[in-house]
Structures are given as structure tokens and as C-alpha cells.
N, C-alpha and C. Protein backbone atom coordinates (compact mmCIF):
# COMPACT_ATOMS: atom_id res chain seq x y z
N UNK A 1 0.84 -1.18 0.00
CA UNK A 1 0.00 0.00 0.00
C UNK A 1 0.88 1.24 0.00
N UNK A 2 0.48 2.26 -0.79
CA UNK A 2 1.26 3.48 -0.92
C UNK A 2 1.17 4.38 0.29
N UNK A 3 2.03 5.38 0.32
CA UNK A 3 2.11 6.32 1.43
C UNK A 3 1.64 7.69 0.94
N UNK A 4 0.86 8.39 1.74
CA UNK A 4 0.42 9.73 1.41
C UNK A 4 1.61 10.66 1.45
N UNK A 5 1.91 11.31 0.32
CA UNK A 5 3.04 12.23 0.25
C UNK A 5 2.62 13.67 0.52
N UNK A 6 1.46 14.07 0.02
CA UNK A 6 1.04 15.46 0.14
C UNK A 6 -0.45 15.57 -0.21
N UNK A 7 -1.14 16.51 0.39
CA UNK A 7 -2.52 16.83 0.02
C UNK A 7 -2.46 18.07 -0.86
N UNK A 8 -3.03 17.96 -2.05
CA UNK A 8 -3.01 19.07 -3.01
C UNK A 8 -4.33 19.81 -2.92
N UNK A 9 -4.24 21.10 -2.67
CA UNK A 9 -5.46 21.91 -2.54
C UNK A 9 -5.51 22.89 -3.70
N UNK A 10 -6.53 22.74 -4.54
CA UNK A 10 -6.63 23.63 -5.69
C UNK A 10 -8.03 23.71 -6.27
N UNK A 11 -8.86 22.75 -5.95
CA UNK A 11 -10.25 22.76 -6.40
C UNK A 11 -11.10 23.10 -5.18
N UNK A 12 -11.60 24.31 -5.14
CA UNK A 12 -12.31 24.78 -3.95
C UNK A 12 -13.80 24.51 -4.04
N UNK A 13 -14.33 23.87 -3.01
CA UNK A 13 -15.77 23.65 -2.86
C UNK A 13 -16.41 22.94 -4.05
N UNK A 14 -15.69 22.00 -4.64
CA UNK A 14 -16.30 21.24 -5.73
C UNK A 14 -15.64 19.86 -5.81
N UNK A 15 -16.29 18.98 -6.53
CA UNK A 15 -15.85 17.60 -6.63
C UNK A 15 -14.79 17.44 -7.72
N UNK A 16 -13.69 16.77 -7.38
CA UNK A 16 -12.68 16.43 -8.38
C UNK A 16 -13.21 15.25 -9.18
N UNK A 17 -13.17 15.37 -10.50
CA UNK A 17 -13.77 14.36 -11.36
C UNK A 17 -12.76 13.43 -12.01
N UNK A 18 -11.52 13.88 -12.14
CA UNK A 18 -10.55 13.06 -12.85
C UNK A 18 -9.13 13.42 -12.42
N UNK A 19 -8.27 12.43 -12.35
CA UNK A 19 -6.84 12.61 -12.09
C UNK A 19 -6.07 11.80 -13.12
N UNK A 20 -5.00 12.38 -13.65
CA UNK A 20 -4.17 11.64 -14.61
C UNK A 20 -2.72 12.08 -14.48
N UNK A 21 -1.83 11.10 -14.36
CA UNK A 21 -0.40 11.40 -14.38
C UNK A 21 0.02 11.55 -15.83
N UNK A 22 0.95 12.47 -16.09
CA UNK A 22 1.48 12.69 -17.42
C UNK A 22 2.77 11.89 -17.52
N UNK A 23 2.79 10.90 -18.41
CA UNK A 23 3.92 9.97 -18.49
C UNK A 23 5.25 10.65 -18.79
N UNK A 24 5.24 11.65 -19.67
CA UNK A 24 6.49 12.26 -20.12
C UNK A 24 7.15 13.15 -19.06
N UNK A 25 6.38 13.63 -18.09
CA UNK A 25 6.87 14.60 -17.12
C UNK A 25 6.40 14.22 -15.72
N UNK A 26 7.05 14.74 -14.68
CA UNK A 26 6.57 14.48 -13.32
C UNK A 26 5.39 15.42 -13.00
N UNK A 27 4.27 15.18 -13.66
CA UNK A 27 3.09 16.04 -13.53
C UNK A 27 1.85 15.21 -13.28
N UNK A 28 0.91 15.84 -12.59
CA UNK A 28 -0.42 15.29 -12.38
C UNK A 28 -1.41 16.33 -12.85
N UNK A 29 -2.43 15.91 -13.58
CA UNK A 29 -3.48 16.82 -14.03
C UNK A 29 -4.77 16.40 -13.33
N UNK A 30 -5.48 17.39 -12.77
CA UNK A 30 -6.75 17.12 -12.11
C UNK A 30 -7.82 18.02 -12.72
N UNK A 31 -9.06 17.54 -12.68
CA UNK A 31 -10.18 18.33 -13.19
C UNK A 31 -11.34 18.24 -12.21
N UNK A 32 -12.27 19.20 -12.32
CA UNK A 32 -13.39 19.22 -11.38
C UNK A 32 -14.68 19.65 -12.07
N UNK A 33 -15.77 19.52 -11.33
CA UNK A 33 -17.09 19.83 -11.88
C UNK A 33 -17.27 21.31 -12.18
N UNK A 34 -16.46 22.17 -11.59
CA UNK A 34 -16.62 23.60 -11.87
C UNK A 34 -15.84 24.04 -13.11
N UNK A 35 -15.26 23.09 -13.85
CA UNK A 35 -14.56 23.42 -15.08
C UNK A 35 -13.10 23.76 -14.90
N UNK A 36 -12.56 23.58 -13.68
CA UNK A 36 -11.17 23.90 -13.43
C UNK A 36 -10.29 22.68 -13.71
N UNK A 37 -9.19 22.92 -14.43
CA UNK A 37 -8.17 21.90 -14.66
C UNK A 37 -6.88 22.43 -14.04
N UNK A 38 -6.26 21.63 -13.18
CA UNK A 38 -5.01 22.04 -12.51
C UNK A 38 -3.87 21.12 -12.95
N UNK A 39 -2.72 21.73 -13.15
CA UNK A 39 -1.50 21.00 -13.49
C UNK A 39 -0.59 21.09 -12.27
N UNK A 40 -0.21 19.91 -11.72
CA UNK A 40 0.53 19.84 -10.47
C UNK A 40 1.92 19.26 -10.69
N UNK A 41 2.91 19.79 -9.98
CA UNK A 41 4.21 19.16 -9.93
C UNK A 41 4.15 18.00 -8.96
N UNK A 42 4.83 16.90 -9.26
CA UNK A 42 4.81 15.72 -8.39
C UNK A 42 6.25 15.36 -8.00
N UNK A 43 6.37 14.25 -7.31
CA UNK A 43 7.71 13.76 -6.96
C UNK A 43 8.49 13.61 -8.25
N UNK A 44 9.72 14.07 -8.25
CA UNK A 44 10.52 14.04 -9.47
C UNK A 44 10.64 15.42 -10.11
N UNK A 45 9.73 16.33 -9.77
CA UNK A 45 9.86 17.70 -10.26
C UNK A 45 10.75 18.48 -9.31
N UNK A 46 11.20 19.63 -9.74
CA UNK A 46 12.05 20.44 -8.89
C UNK A 46 11.32 20.89 -7.63
N UNK A 47 12.08 21.19 -6.59
CA UNK A 47 11.50 21.59 -5.30
C UNK A 47 10.56 22.80 -5.48
N UNK A 48 10.91 23.68 -6.38
CA UNK A 48 10.11 24.89 -6.62
C UNK A 48 8.68 24.54 -7.05
N UNK A 49 8.49 23.42 -7.75
CA UNK A 49 7.19 23.06 -8.30
C UNK A 49 6.53 21.87 -7.60
N UNK A 50 7.28 21.16 -6.80
CA UNK A 50 6.77 19.92 -6.21
C UNK A 50 5.54 20.17 -5.36
N UNK A 51 4.47 19.44 -5.67
CA UNK A 51 3.19 19.47 -4.95
C UNK A 51 2.54 20.86 -4.98
N UNK A 52 2.81 21.61 -6.03
CA UNK A 52 2.19 22.93 -6.20
C UNK A 52 1.40 22.96 -7.49
N UNK A 53 0.36 23.77 -7.52
CA UNK A 53 -0.41 23.97 -8.75
C UNK A 53 0.40 24.91 -9.64
N UNK A 54 0.83 24.41 -10.77
CA UNK A 54 1.68 25.16 -11.69
C UNK A 54 0.83 25.97 -12.67
N UNK A 55 -0.29 25.41 -13.07
CA UNK A 55 -1.18 26.11 -14.00
C UNK A 55 -2.62 25.74 -13.66
N UNK A 56 -3.50 26.70 -13.78
CA UNK A 56 -4.93 26.48 -13.56
C UNK A 56 -5.66 27.00 -14.80
N UNK A 57 -6.43 26.13 -15.40
CA UNK A 57 -7.16 26.47 -16.61
C UNK A 57 -8.65 26.34 -16.31
N UNK A 58 -9.41 27.33 -16.70
CA UNK A 58 -10.86 27.29 -16.51
C UNK A 58 -11.49 26.91 -17.85
N UNK A 59 -12.17 25.78 -17.88
CA UNK A 59 -12.80 25.29 -19.11
C UNK A 59 -14.15 25.98 -19.27
N UNK A 60 -14.27 26.80 -20.29
CA UNK A 60 -15.52 27.53 -20.53
C UNK A 60 -15.92 27.42 -21.98
N UNK A 61 -17.14 27.78 -22.26
CA UNK A 61 -17.57 27.96 -23.65
C UNK A 61 -18.38 29.24 -23.72
N UNK A 62 -18.33 29.85 -24.87
CA UNK A 62 -19.07 31.10 -25.09
C UNK A 62 -20.15 30.85 -26.12
N UNK A 63 -21.29 31.46 -25.89
CA UNK A 63 -22.33 31.39 -26.90
C UNK A 63 -22.99 32.75 -27.05
N UNK A 64 -23.53 32.95 -28.22
CA UNK A 64 -24.16 34.23 -28.56
C UNK A 64 -25.65 34.14 -28.29
N UNK A 65 -26.17 35.14 -27.64
CA UNK A 65 -27.60 35.22 -27.41
C UNK A 65 -28.07 36.62 -27.78
N UNK A 66 -29.33 36.78 -27.91
CA UNK A 66 -29.89 38.09 -28.26
C UNK A 66 -30.75 38.57 -27.10
N UNK A 67 -30.62 39.85 -26.79
CA UNK A 67 -31.48 40.44 -25.77
C UNK A 67 -32.48 41.35 -26.46
N UNK A 68 -33.70 41.31 -25.99
CA UNK A 68 -34.77 42.12 -26.56
C UNK A 68 -35.25 43.11 -25.49
N UNK A 69 -35.23 44.36 -25.84
CA UNK A 69 -35.75 45.39 -24.95
C UNK A 69 -36.61 46.34 -25.77
N UNK A 70 -37.40 47.12 -25.08
CA UNK A 70 -38.24 48.12 -25.72
C UNK A 70 -37.68 49.50 -25.38
N UNK A 71 -37.39 50.27 -26.44
CA UNK A 71 -36.86 51.61 -26.25
C UNK A 71 -37.93 52.58 -25.78
N UNK A 72 -37.52 53.83 -25.53
CA UNK A 72 -38.44 54.87 -25.05
C UNK A 72 -39.56 55.16 -26.03
N UNK A 73 -39.25 54.99 -27.30
CA UNK A 73 -40.28 55.27 -28.31
C UNK A 73 -41.13 54.06 -28.65
N UNK A 74 -40.96 52.97 -27.88
CA UNK A 74 -41.75 51.77 -28.09
C UNK A 74 -41.16 50.82 -29.12
N UNK A 75 -40.04 51.20 -29.68
CA UNK A 75 -39.40 50.36 -30.70
C UNK A 75 -38.59 49.24 -30.04
N UNK A 76 -38.66 48.05 -30.63
CA UNK A 76 -37.91 46.91 -30.10
C UNK A 76 -36.43 47.06 -30.44
N UNK A 77 -35.57 46.85 -29.44
CA UNK A 77 -34.12 46.91 -29.63
C UNK A 77 -33.58 45.51 -29.40
N UNK A 78 -32.85 45.01 -30.38
CA UNK A 78 -32.25 43.68 -30.28
C UNK A 78 -30.74 43.85 -30.27
N UNK A 79 -30.10 43.31 -29.23
CA UNK A 79 -28.65 43.38 -29.12
C UNK A 79 -28.07 41.98 -28.98
N UNK A 80 -26.90 41.79 -29.60
CA UNK A 80 -26.17 40.54 -29.42
C UNK A 80 -25.39 40.61 -28.11
N UNK A 81 -25.34 39.48 -27.42
CA UNK A 81 -24.62 39.41 -26.16
C UNK A 81 -23.96 38.04 -26.05
N UNK A 82 -22.67 38.04 -25.71
CA UNK A 82 -21.98 36.78 -25.48
C UNK A 82 -22.07 36.41 -24.01
N UNK A 83 -22.34 35.15 -23.77
CA UNK A 83 -22.40 34.62 -22.41
C UNK A 83 -21.33 33.53 -22.30
N UNK A 84 -20.59 33.56 -21.21
CA UNK A 84 -19.55 32.56 -21.00
C UNK A 84 -19.95 31.71 -19.81
N UNK A 85 -19.91 30.40 -20.00
CA UNK A 85 -20.29 29.45 -18.94
C UNK A 85 -19.14 28.50 -18.68
N UNK A 86 -18.98 28.13 -17.42
CA UNK A 86 -18.02 27.09 -17.06
C UNK A 86 -18.62 25.73 -17.39
N UNK A 87 -17.75 24.81 -17.78
CA UNK A 87 -18.20 23.47 -18.16
C UNK A 87 -17.46 22.45 -17.32
N UNK A 88 -18.19 21.51 -16.77
CA UNK A 88 -17.59 20.44 -15.98
C UNK A 88 -16.63 19.62 -16.84
N UNK A 89 -15.49 19.25 -16.26
CA UNK A 89 -14.52 18.41 -16.96
C UNK A 89 -14.59 17.04 -16.32
N UNK A 90 -15.06 16.06 -17.09
CA UNK A 90 -15.28 14.72 -16.54
C UNK A 90 -14.26 13.70 -16.99
N UNK A 91 -13.43 14.05 -17.96
CA UNK A 91 -12.37 13.13 -18.38
C UNK A 91 -11.21 13.95 -18.94
N UNK A 92 -10.05 13.35 -18.95
CA UNK A 92 -8.84 14.02 -19.43
C UNK A 92 -8.13 13.14 -20.43
N UNK A 93 -7.60 13.74 -21.46
CA UNK A 93 -6.69 13.08 -22.39
C UNK A 93 -5.53 14.04 -22.53
N UNK A 94 -4.46 13.77 -21.82
CA UNK A 94 -3.36 14.73 -21.72
C UNK A 94 -2.21 14.30 -22.61
N UNK A 95 -1.76 15.23 -23.41
CA UNK A 95 -0.58 15.01 -24.24
C UNK A 95 0.10 16.34 -24.44
N UNK A 96 1.41 16.35 -24.41
CA UNK A 96 2.14 17.58 -24.69
C UNK A 96 2.83 17.48 -26.03
N UNK A 97 2.34 16.60 -26.89
CA UNK A 97 2.85 16.50 -28.25
C UNK A 97 2.45 17.76 -29.00
N UNK A 98 3.43 18.47 -29.53
CA UNK A 98 3.16 19.76 -30.18
C UNK A 98 2.24 19.61 -31.39
N UNK A 99 2.25 18.46 -32.06
CA UNK A 99 1.43 18.29 -33.26
C UNK A 99 -0.01 17.95 -32.93
N UNK A 100 -0.24 17.23 -31.83
CA UNK A 100 -1.55 16.68 -31.55
C UNK A 100 -2.17 17.20 -30.27
N UNK A 101 -1.36 17.40 -29.26
CA UNK A 101 -1.88 17.63 -27.91
C UNK A 101 -2.48 18.99 -27.67
N UNK A 102 -2.75 19.25 -26.42
CA UNK A 102 -3.38 20.51 -26.04
C UNK A 102 -2.38 21.64 -26.21
N UNK A 103 -2.84 22.82 -26.59
CA UNK A 103 -1.91 23.94 -26.73
C UNK A 103 -1.46 24.41 -25.35
N UNK A 104 -0.18 24.62 -25.20
CA UNK A 104 0.33 25.14 -23.93
C UNK A 104 1.24 26.33 -24.23
N UNK A 105 1.29 27.25 -23.31
CA UNK A 105 2.06 28.47 -23.53
C UNK A 105 3.55 28.18 -23.44
N UNK A 106 4.37 29.07 -24.02
CA UNK A 106 5.82 28.88 -23.97
C UNK A 106 6.31 28.95 -22.53
N UNK A 107 5.66 29.74 -21.68
CA UNK A 107 6.04 29.82 -20.28
C UNK A 107 5.85 28.47 -19.59
N UNK A 108 4.73 27.81 -19.87
CA UNK A 108 4.48 26.49 -19.29
C UNK A 108 5.47 25.47 -19.83
N UNK A 109 5.80 25.55 -21.12
CA UNK A 109 6.80 24.64 -21.69
C UNK A 109 8.13 24.83 -20.97
N UNK A 110 8.49 26.07 -20.71
CA UNK A 110 9.73 26.36 -20.01
C UNK A 110 9.71 25.73 -18.62
N UNK A 111 8.59 25.87 -17.91
CA UNK A 111 8.49 25.29 -16.58
C UNK A 111 8.60 23.77 -16.63
N UNK A 112 7.98 23.16 -17.64
CA UNK A 112 8.04 21.70 -17.78
C UNK A 112 9.48 21.26 -18.05
N UNK A 113 10.19 21.98 -18.89
CA UNK A 113 11.59 21.66 -19.13
C UNK A 113 12.41 21.77 -17.86
N UNK A 114 12.09 22.76 -17.02
CA UNK A 114 12.82 22.92 -15.75
C UNK A 114 12.61 21.73 -14.84
N UNK A 115 11.44 21.05 -14.92
CA UNK A 115 11.20 19.87 -14.09
C UNK A 115 12.28 18.83 -14.35
N UNK A 116 12.56 18.62 -15.62
CA UNK A 116 13.51 17.58 -15.98
C UNK A 116 14.94 17.93 -15.60
N UNK A 117 15.25 19.21 -15.49
CA UNK A 117 16.60 19.64 -15.10
C UNK A 117 16.82 19.53 -13.60
N UNK A 118 15.75 19.68 -12.82
CA UNK A 118 15.89 19.71 -11.35
C UNK A 118 16.05 18.34 -10.76
């Protein structure tokens, strides 16, 4: 039986839906019902990143809706409005392959490279 190394706190007041270790790096990815995805440093990463949330991504989608109001002269006014909603993340498919995987910023790539150096 394994030993508890650390409790990771990053998903506040919501249920964690998925955990996945990233084979290529000492990373753990977690997701929750509020649409938050966290990237964690694990054993094997540098002390600076170990057991810390390195990146937090909020999974959202935007959709266009129309609002209808009546102006002062009784004329109908229709305006476009974008609404952004959080979406629950129930599964993960993690890859850092530049051709296929999820897009990641150059800053995050730099941090991931630092894991392997530490």
C-alpha cells in the first residue's frame, strides 16, 4: 500500500472528477465539476514546483444570445450578447505533443523543461 506524500489543494468547494499522471513529465493533471483543470508538480519535479499547482485552466464555452428590450419610443431593440459558462470536466486526455496535444504556452513549456533539469 502506498504512502500519502502530500494533500493538493486547488479545487475549492467542488468535486474532483478526474486525475491523470502525465507519463512524459513528473506532472499530475486534475479536473473538477466547476470546469477547473489544474496542473501539479509531483515527486521528481524540482522543489520549486513539487506538490504545487503550476497552472490552472478554466474550461468555458461562449455562446451568442440576443437580448430584446423596448426603447423609449416603443421600438424593439435587439442586441447581441456573449455569455460565458463554465463546463464540468469529466475526463482528461493529456498530451504535450506539439502536433496533436493541447496547446500550452511557452512559459508552461519552459516550466516543464525545468522539471527535468531539477
